PDB file of all heavy atoms in Angstrom:
ATOM      1  N   LYS A   1     101.071  56.307  87.479  1.00  0.00           N
ATOM      2  CA  LYS A   1     100.187  57.247  86.739  1.00  0.00           C
ATOM      3  C   LYS A   1     101.147  58.445  86.435  1.00  0.00           C
ATOM      4  O   LYS A   1     101.594  59.194  87.321  1.00  0.00           O
ATOM      5  CB  LYS A   1      98.977  57.685  87.587  1.00  0.00           C
ATOM      6  CG  LYS A   1      98.117  58.801  86.864  1.00  0.00           C
ATOM      7  CD  LYS A   1      97.482  58.304  85.637  1.00  0.00           C
ATOM      8  CE  LYS A   1      96.520  59.332  85.099  1.00  0.00           C
ATOM      9  NZ  LYS A   1      95.895  58.917  83.893  1.00  0.00           N
ATOM     10  N   VAL A   2     101.312  58.771  85.199  1.00  0.00           N
ATOM     11  CA  VAL A   2     102.109  59.853  84.691  1.00  0.00           C
ATOM     12  C   VAL A   2     101.114  61.091  84.518  1.00  0.00           C
ATOM     13  O   VAL A   2     100.184  60.986  83.746  1.00  0.00           O
ATOM     14  CB  VAL A   2     102.884  59.557  83.436  1.00  0.00           C
ATOM     15  CG1 VAL A   2     103.643  60.796  82.938  1.00  0.00           C
ATOM     16  CG2 VAL A   2     103.807  58.398  83.647  1.00  0.00           C
ATOM     17  N   ILE A   3     101.461  62.102  85.255  1.00  0.00           N
ATOM     18  CA  ILE A   3     100.644  63.352  85.215  1.00  0.00           C
ATOM     19  C   ILE A   3     101.656  64.443  84.689  1.00  0.00           C
ATOM     20  O   ILE A   3     102.688  64.724  85.322  1.00  0.00           O
ATOM     21  CB  ILE A   3      99.994  63.730  86.488  1.00  0.00           C
ATOM     22  CG1 ILE A   3      99.054  62.591  86.822  1.00  0.00           C
ATOM     23  CG2 ILE A   3      99.361  64.952  86.501  1.00  0.00           C
ATOM     24  CD1 ILE A   3      98.399  62.776  88.327  1.00  0.00           C
ATOM     25  N   VAL A   4     101.177  65.102  83.609  1.00  0.00           N
ATOM     26  CA  VAL A   4     101.936  66.222  83.139  1.00  0.00           C
ATOM     27  C   VAL A   4     101.079  67.507  83.357  1.00  0.00           C
ATOM     28  O   VAL A   4     100.033  67.686  83.141  1.00  0.00           O
ATOM     29  CB  VAL A   4     102.148  66.031  81.582  1.00  0.00           C
ATOM     30  CG1 VAL A   4     102.998  67.275  81.003  1.00  0.00           C
ATOM     31  CG2 VAL A   4     102.898  64.731  81.281  1.00  0.00           C
ATOM     32  N   VAL A   5     101.847  68.495  83.949  1.00  0.00           N
ATOM     33  CA  VAL A   5     101.168  69.631  84.322  1.00  0.00           C
ATOM     34  C   VAL A   5     101.854  70.899  83.768  1.00  0.00           C
ATOM     35  O   VAL A   5     103.100  71.018  83.848  1.00  0.00           O
ATOM     36  CB  VAL A   5     101.172  69.886  85.930  1.00  0.00           C
ATOM     37  CG1 VAL A   5     100.385  71.113  86.327  1.00  0.00           C
ATOM     38  CG2 VAL A   5     100.690  68.529  86.620  1.00  0.00           C
ATOM     39  N   PHE A   6     101.095  71.753  83.165  1.00  0.00           N
ATOM     40  CA  PHE A   6     101.552  73.106  82.673  1.00  0.00           C
ATOM     41  C   PHE A   6     100.989  74.229  83.389  1.00  0.00           C
ATOM     42  O   PHE A   6     100.008  74.016  84.112  1.00  0.00           O
ATOM     43  CB  PHE A   6     101.264  73.224  81.205  1.00  0.00           C
ATOM     44  CG  PHE A   6     101.885  72.275  80.296  1.00  0.00           C
ATOM     45  CD1 PHE A   6     101.243  71.278  79.668  1.00  0.00           C
ATOM     46  CD2 PHE A   6     103.197  72.450  79.950  1.00  0.00           C
ATOM     47  CE1 PHE A   6     101.981  70.356  78.857  1.00  0.00           C
ATOM     48  CE2 PHE A   6     103.893  71.593  79.018  1.00  0.00           C
ATOM     49  CZ  PHE A   6     103.244  70.679  78.514  1.00  0.00           C
ATOM     50  N   GLU A   7     101.637  75.375  83.349  1.00  0.00           N
ATOM     51  CA  GLU A   7     100.954  76.599  83.725  1.00  0.00           C
ATOM     52  C   GLU A   7      99.958  77.024  82.657  1.00  0.00           C
ATOM     53  O   GLU A   7     100.016  76.704  81.413  1.00  0.00           O
ATOM     54  CB  GLU A   7     101.927  77.757  83.764  1.00  0.00           C
ATOM     55  CG  GLU A   7     102.966  77.835  84.921  1.00  0.00           C
ATOM     56  CD  GLU A   7     103.780  79.022  84.668  1.00  0.00           C
ATOM     57  OE1 GLU A   7     104.665  79.019  83.814  1.00  0.00           O
ATOM     58  OE2 GLU A   7     103.663  80.006  85.450  1.00  0.00           O
ATOM     59  N   SER A   8      98.775  77.567  83.094  1.00  0.00           N
ATOM     60  CA  SER A   8      97.790  78.056  82.074  1.00  0.00           C
ATOM     61  C   SER A   8      98.333  79.363  81.420  1.00  0.00           C
ATOM     62  O   SER A   8      99.175  80.045  81.915  1.00  0.00           O
ATOM     63  CB  SER A   8      96.443  78.302  82.666  1.00  0.00           C
ATOM     64  OG  SER A   8      96.579  79.416  83.555  1.00  0.00           O
ATOM     65  N   LEU A   9      97.817  79.552  80.250  1.00  0.00           N
ATOM     66  CA  LEU A   9      98.196  80.728  79.460  1.00  0.00           C
ATOM     67  C   LEU A   9      97.119  81.945  79.913  1.00  0.00           C
ATOM     68  O   LEU A   9      95.939  81.732  80.023  1.00  0.00           O
ATOM     69  CB  LEU A   9      98.132  80.623  78.003  1.00  0.00           C
ATOM     70  CG  LEU A   9      99.020  79.603  77.406  1.00  0.00           C
ATOM     71  CD1 LEU A   9      98.945  79.539  75.919  1.00  0.00           C
ATOM     72  CD2 LEU A   9     100.526  80.063  77.768  1.00  0.00           C
ATOM     73  N   THR A  10      97.698  82.961  80.218  1.00  0.00           N
ATOM     74  CA  THR A  10      96.990  84.286  80.383  1.00  0.00           C
ATOM     75  C   THR A  10      97.456  85.426  79.650  1.00  0.00           C
ATOM     76  O   THR A  10      98.474  85.236  78.797  1.00  0.00           O
ATOM     77  CB  THR A  10      97.029  84.677  81.950  1.00  0.00           C
ATOM     78  OG1 THR A  10      98.409  85.178  82.133  1.00  0.00           O
ATOM     79  CG2 THR A  10      96.855  83.491  82.867  1.00  0.00           C
ATOM     80  N   GLY A  11      96.790  86.493  79.624  1.00  0.00           N
ATOM     81  CA  GLY A  11      97.197  87.683  78.916  1.00  0.00           C
ATOM     82  C   GLY A  11      98.644  88.120  79.152  1.00  0.00           C
ATOM     83  O   GLY A  11      99.458  88.594  78.338  1.00  0.00           O
ATOM     84  N   GLU A  12      99.087  87.848  80.522  1.00  0.00           N
ATOM     85  CA  GLU A  12     100.432  88.176  80.942  1.00  0.00           C
ATOM     86  C   GLU A  12     101.452  87.194  80.561  1.00  0.00           C
ATOM     87  O   GLU A  12     102.566  87.400  80.422  1.00  0.00           O
ATOM     88  CB  GLU A  12     100.456  88.364  82.389  1.00  0.00           C
ATOM     89  CG  GLU A  12      99.658  89.659  82.831  1.00  0.00           C
ATOM     90  CD  GLU A  12      99.785  89.803  84.403  1.00  0.00           C
ATOM     91  OE1 GLU A  12     100.142  88.810  85.033  1.00  0.00           O
ATOM     92  OE2 GLU A  12      99.485  90.917  84.869  1.00  0.00           O
ATOM     93  N   THR A  13     101.101  85.839  80.509  1.00  0.00           N
ATOM     94  CA  THR A  13     102.032  84.743  80.338  1.00  0.00           C
ATOM     95  C   THR A  13     102.010  84.167  78.926  1.00  0.00           C
ATOM     96  O   THR A  13     102.783  83.232  78.584  1.00  0.00           O
ATOM     97  CB  THR A  13     101.717  83.742  81.242  1.00  0.00           C
ATOM     98  OG1 THR A  13     100.463  83.158  81.030  1.00  0.00           O
ATOM     99  CG2 THR A  13     101.769  84.208  82.738  1.00  0.00           C
ATOM    100  N   VAL A  14     101.217  84.707  77.941  1.00  0.00           N
ATOM    101  CA  VAL A  14     101.162  84.126  76.677  1.00  0.00           C
ATOM    102  C   VAL A  14     102.560  83.998  75.925  1.00  0.00           C
ATOM    103  O   VAL A  14     102.829  83.209  75.082  1.00  0.00           O
ATOM    104  CB  VAL A  14     100.086  84.768  75.775  1.00  0.00           C
ATOM    105  CG1 VAL A  14     100.516  86.241  75.362  1.00  0.00           C
ATOM    106  CG2 VAL A  14      99.750  83.992  74.536  1.00  0.00           C
ATOM    107  N   ILE A  15     103.444  85.033  76.265  1.00  0.00           N
ATOM    108  CA  ILE A  15     104.779  85.062  75.603  1.00  0.00           C
ATOM    109  C   ILE A  15     105.786  84.380  76.480  1.00  0.00           C
ATOM    110  O   ILE A  15     107.097  84.413  76.424  1.00  0.00           O
ATOM    111  CB  ILE A  15     105.200  86.342  75.227  1.00  0.00           C
ATOM    112  CG1 ILE A  15     105.187  87.378  76.408  1.00  0.00           C
ATOM    113  CG2 ILE A  15     104.324  86.846  74.186  1.00  0.00           C
ATOM    114  CD1 ILE A  15     105.916  88.574  76.105  1.00  0.00           C
ATOM    115  N   GLY A  16     105.362  83.665  77.683  1.00  0.00           N
ATOM    116  CA  GLY A  16     106.199  82.999  78.541  1.00  0.00           C
ATOM    117  C   GLY A  16     106.142  83.654  79.848  1.00  0.00           C
ATOM    118  O   GLY A  16     106.466  84.840  80.047  1.00  0.00           O
ATOM    119  N   SER A  17     105.921  82.825  80.892  1.00  0.00           N
ATOM    120  CA  SER A  17     105.792  83.388  82.260  1.00  0.00           C
ATOM    121  C   SER A  17     107.142  83.736  82.834  1.00  0.00           C
ATOM    122  O   SER A  17     107.062  84.478  83.874  1.00  0.00           O
ATOM    123  CB  SER A  17     105.093  82.297  83.240  1.00  0.00           C
ATOM    124  OG  SER A  17     105.949  81.207  83.418  1.00  0.00           O
ATOM    125  N   GLY A  18     108.301  83.427  82.289  1.00  0.00           N
ATOM    126  CA  GLY A  18     109.628  83.965  82.764  1.00  0.00           C
ATOM    127  C   GLY A  18     109.632  85.399  82.694  1.00  0.00           C
ATOM    128  O   GLY A  18     110.383  85.949  83.482  1.00  0.00           O
ATOM    129  N   LEU A  19     108.841  86.057  82.008  1.00  0.00           N
ATOM    130  CA  LEU A  19     108.893  87.561  81.924  1.00  0.00           C
ATOM    131  C   LEU A  19     108.079  88.176  82.976  1.00  0.00           C
ATOM    132  O   LEU A  19     108.289  89.328  83.277  1.00  0.00           O
ATOM    133  CB  LEU A  19     108.333  88.076  80.528  1.00  0.00           C
ATOM    134  CG  LEU A  19     109.296  87.618  79.325  1.00  0.00           C
ATOM    135  CD1 LEU A  19     108.681  88.021  78.083  1.00  0.00           C
ATOM    136  CD2 LEU A  19     110.673  88.208  79.502  1.00  0.00           C
ATOM    137  N   THR A  20     107.012  87.543  83.577  1.00  0.00           N
ATOM    138  CA  THR A  20     106.094  88.148  84.438  1.00  0.00           C
ATOM    139  C   THR A  20     106.005  87.471  85.876  1.00  0.00           C
ATOM    140  O   THR A  20     105.501  87.997  86.709  1.00  0.00           O
ATOM    141  CB  THR A  20     104.647  88.014  83.845  1.00  0.00           C
ATOM    142  OG1 THR A  20     104.359  86.726  83.537  1.00  0.00           O
ATOM    143  CG2 THR A  20     104.584  88.848  82.575  1.00  0.00           C
ATOM    144  N   ARG A  21     106.671  86.196  86.040  1.00  0.00           N
ATOM    145  CA  ARG A  21     106.562  85.572  87.287  1.00  0.00           C
ATOM    146  C   ARG A  21     108.010  85.180  87.749  1.00  0.00           C
ATOM    147  O   ARG A  21     108.815  84.750  86.887  1.00  0.00           O
ATOM    148  CB  ARG A  21     105.725  84.315  87.117  1.00  0.00           C
ATOM    149  CG  ARG A  21     104.222  84.588  86.976  1.00  0.00           C
ATOM    150  CD  ARG A  21     103.441  83.298  86.722  1.00  0.00           C
ATOM    151  NE  ARG A  21     102.066  83.505  86.494  1.00  0.00           N
ATOM    152  CZ  ARG A  21     101.096  82.606  86.066  1.00  0.00           C
ATOM    153  NH1 ARG A  21     101.595  81.581  85.554  1.00  0.00           N
ATOM    154  NH2 ARG A  21      99.869  82.972  85.997  1.00  0.00           N
ATOM    155  N   SER A  22     108.107  85.185  89.108  1.00  0.00           N
ATOM    156  CA  SER A  22     109.435  84.653  89.505  1.00  0.00           C
ATOM    157  C   SER A  22     109.399  83.156  89.531  1.00  0.00           C
ATOM    158  O   SER A  22     108.289  82.477  89.336  1.00  0.00           O
ATOM    159  CB  SER A  22     109.600  85.161  90.970  1.00  0.00           C
ATOM    160  OG  SER A  22     108.613  84.520  91.869  1.00  0.00           O
ATOM    161  N   ARG A  23     110.544  82.559  89.704  1.00  0.00           N
ATOM    162  CA  ARG A  23     110.598  81.045  89.708  1.00  0.00           C
ATOM    163  C   ARG A  23     109.706  80.544  90.948  1.00  0.00           C
ATOM    164  O   ARG A  23     109.172  79.324  90.767  1.00  0.00           O
ATOM    165  CB  ARG A  23     111.968  80.561  89.709  1.00  0.00           C
ATOM    166  CG  ARG A  23     112.705  80.719  90.977  1.00  0.00           C
ATOM    167  CD  ARG A  23     114.138  80.330  90.840  1.00  0.00           C
ATOM    168  NE  ARG A  23     114.878  80.270  92.146  1.00  0.00           N
ATOM    169  CZ  ARG A  23     115.058  79.340  93.000  1.00  0.00           C
ATOM    170  NH1 ARG A  23     114.521  78.275  92.630  1.00  0.00           N
ATOM    171  NH2 ARG A  23     115.552  79.439  94.150  1.00  0.00           N
ATOM    172  N   GLU A  24     109.730  81.220  92.015  1.00  0.00           N
ATOM    173  CA  GLU A  24     108.899  80.758  93.120  1.00  0.00           C
ATOM    174  C   GLU A  24     107.523  80.815  92.937  1.00  0.00           C
ATOM    175  O   GLU A  24     106.739  79.881  93.188  1.00  0.00           O
ATOM    176  CB  GLU A  24     109.247  81.648  94.496  1.00  0.00           C
ATOM    177  CG  GLU A  24     110.625  81.497  94.984  1.00  0.00           C
ATOM    178  CD  GLU A  24     111.690  82.218  94.150  1.00  0.00           C
ATOM    179  OE1 GLU A  24     111.373  83.058  93.316  1.00  0.00           O
ATOM    180  OE2 GLU A  24     112.890  82.095  94.540  1.00  0.00           O
ATOM    181  N   GLU A  25     107.007  81.749  92.177  1.00  0.00           N
ATOM    182  CA  GLU A  25     105.659  81.857  91.673  1.00  0.00           C
ATOM    183  C   GLU A  25     105.345  80.766  90.778  1.00  0.00           C
ATOM    184  O   GLU A  25     104.227  80.170  90.777  1.00  0.00           O
ATOM    185  CB  GLU A  25     105.412  83.193  91.109  1.00  0.00           C
ATOM    186  CG  GLU A  25     105.369  84.400  92.125  1.00  0.00           C
ATOM    187  CD  GLU A  25     105.279  85.740  91.399  1.00  0.00           C
ATOM    188  OE1 GLU A  25     105.870  85.945  90.331  1.00  0.00           O
ATOM    189  OE2 GLU A  25     104.639  86.498  91.974  1.00  0.00           O
ATOM    190  N   GLN A  26     106.162  80.454  89.786  1.00  0.00           N
ATOM    191  CA  GLN A  26     106.035  79.464  88.820  1.00  0.00           C
ATOM    192  C   GLN A  26     105.861  78.047  89.555  1.00  0.00           C
ATOM    193  O   GLN A  26     104.898  77.364  89.322  1.00  0.00           O
ATOM    194  CB  GLN A  26     107.034  79.364  87.815  1.00  0.00           C
ATOM    195  CG  GLN A  26     107.209  80.529  86.745  1.00  0.00           C
ATOM    196  CD  GLN A  26     108.396  80.536  86.089  1.00  0.00           C
ATOM    197  OE1 GLN A  26     109.541  80.282  86.585  1.00  0.00           O
ATOM    198  NE2 GLN A  26     108.341  81.026  84.835  1.00  0.00           N
ATOM    199  N   LEU A  27     106.765  77.885  90.513  1.00  0.00           N
ATOM    200  CA  LEU A  27     106.752  76.558  91.229  1.00  0.00           C
ATOM    201  C   LEU A  27     105.510  76.416  91.964  1.00  0.00           C
ATOM    202  O   LEU A  27     104.856  75.360  92.110  1.00  0.00           O
ATOM    203  CB  LEU A  27     107.979  76.476  92.025  1.00  0.00           C
ATOM    204  CG  LEU A  27     108.210  75.018  92.735  1.00  0.00           C
ATOM    205  CD1 LEU A  27     108.215  73.880  91.645  1.00  0.00           C
ATOM    206  CD2 LEU A  27     109.421  75.072  93.469  1.00  0.00           C
ATOM    207  N   ASP A  28     105.032  77.382  92.670  1.00  0.00           N
ATOM    208  CA  ASP A  28     103.772  77.391  93.415  1.00  0.00           C
ATOM    209  C   ASP A  28     102.610  77.132  92.569  1.00  0.00           C
ATOM    210  O   ASP A  28     101.749  76.240  92.941  1.00  0.00           O
ATOM    211  CB  ASP A  28     103.661  78.766  94.017  1.00  0.00           C
ATOM    212  CG  ASP A  28     102.263  78.905  94.964  1.00  0.00           C
ATOM    213  OD1 ASP A  28     102.174  77.995  95.869  1.00  0.00           O
ATOM    214  OD2 ASP A  28     101.539  79.782  94.739  1.00  0.00           O
ATOM    215  N   ILE A  29     102.535  77.719  91.400  1.00  0.00           N
ATOM    216  CA  ILE A  29     101.358  77.510  90.495  1.00  0.00           C
ATOM    217  C   ILE A  29     101.399  76.047  90.013  1.00  0.00           C
ATOM    218  O   ILE A  29     100.333  75.441  90.034  1.00  0.00           O
ATOM    219  CB  ILE A  29     101.385  78.647  89.377  1.00  0.00           C
ATOM    220  CG1 ILE A  29     101.018  79.941  89.914  1.00  0.00           C
ATOM    221  CG2 ILE A  29     100.401  78.180  88.342  1.00  0.00           C
ATOM    222  CD1 ILE A  29     101.325  81.041  88.976  1.00  0.00           C
ATOM    223  N   LEU A  30     102.542  75.718  89.565  1.00  0.00           N
ATOM    224  CA  LEU A  30     102.767  74.332  89.029  1.00  0.00           C
ATOM    225  C   LEU A  30     102.255  73.281  90.067  1.00  0.00           C
ATOM    226  O   LEU A  30     101.571  72.282  89.726  1.00  0.00           O
ATOM    227  CB  LEU A  30     104.118  74.069  88.522  1.00  0.00           C
ATOM    228  CG  LEU A  30     104.568  74.622  87.245  1.00  0.00           C
ATOM    229  CD1 LEU A  30     106.077  74.338  86.914  1.00  0.00           C
ATOM    230  CD2 LEU A  30     103.810  73.964  86.017  1.00  0.00           C
ATOM    231  N   THR A  31     102.835  73.400  91.262  1.00  0.00           N
ATOM    232  CA  THR A  31     102.455  72.386  92.324  1.00  0.00           C
ATOM    233  C   THR A  31     100.988  72.431  92.692  1.00  0.00           C
ATOM    234  O   THR A  31     100.315  71.291  93.060  1.00  0.00           O
ATOM    235  CB  THR A  31     103.383  72.583  93.458  1.00  0.00           C
ATOM    236  OG1 THR A  31     103.240  73.804  94.065  1.00  0.00           O
ATOM    237  CG2 THR A  31     104.812  72.307  93.117  1.00  0.00           C
ATOM    238  N   ARG A  32     100.385  73.635  92.659  1.00  0.00           N
ATOM    239  CA  ARG A  32      98.906  73.704  92.895  1.00  0.00           C
ATOM    240  C   ARG A  32      98.160  73.006  91.886  1.00  0.00           C
ATOM    241  O   ARG A  32      97.194  72.301  92.132  1.00  0.00           O
ATOM    242  CB  ARG A  32      98.492  75.147  93.106  1.00  0.00           C
ATOM    243  CG  ARG A  32      98.804  75.797  94.482  1.00  0.00           C
ATOM    244  CD  ARG A  32      98.155  77.076  94.726  1.00  0.00           C
ATOM    245  NE  ARG A  32      98.907  78.306  94.227  1.00  0.00           N
ATOM    246  CZ  ARG A  32      98.479  79.079  93.337  1.00  0.00           C
ATOM    247  NH1 ARG A  32      97.227  78.943  92.810  1.00  0.00           N
ATOM    248  NH2 ARG A  32      99.291  80.096  92.942  1.00  0.00           N
ATOM    249  N   ASN A  33      98.592  73.278  90.614  1.00  0.00           N
ATOM    250  CA  ASN A  33      97.927  72.548  89.540  1.00  0.00           C
ATOM    251  C   ASN A  33      98.108  71.011  89.578  1.00  0.00           C
ATOM    252  O   ASN A  33      97.210  70.293  89.268  1.00  0.00           O
ATOM    253  CB  ASN A  33      98.486  73.045  88.205  1.00  0.00           C
ATOM    254  CG  ASN A  33      98.082  74.510  87.844  1.00  0.00           C
ATOM    255  OD1 ASN A  33      97.180  75.005  88.416  1.00  0.00           O
ATOM    256  ND2 ASN A  33      98.673  75.139  86.862  1.00  0.00           N
TER     257      ASN A  33
END
């Protein structure tokens, strides 16, 4: 089963979460999703 997971868009991440989140935070959110 192929599952594709993105971060959700928020007011802070609409232009890319690289500006507002560390890579550790991004990975934590992606794996929880």
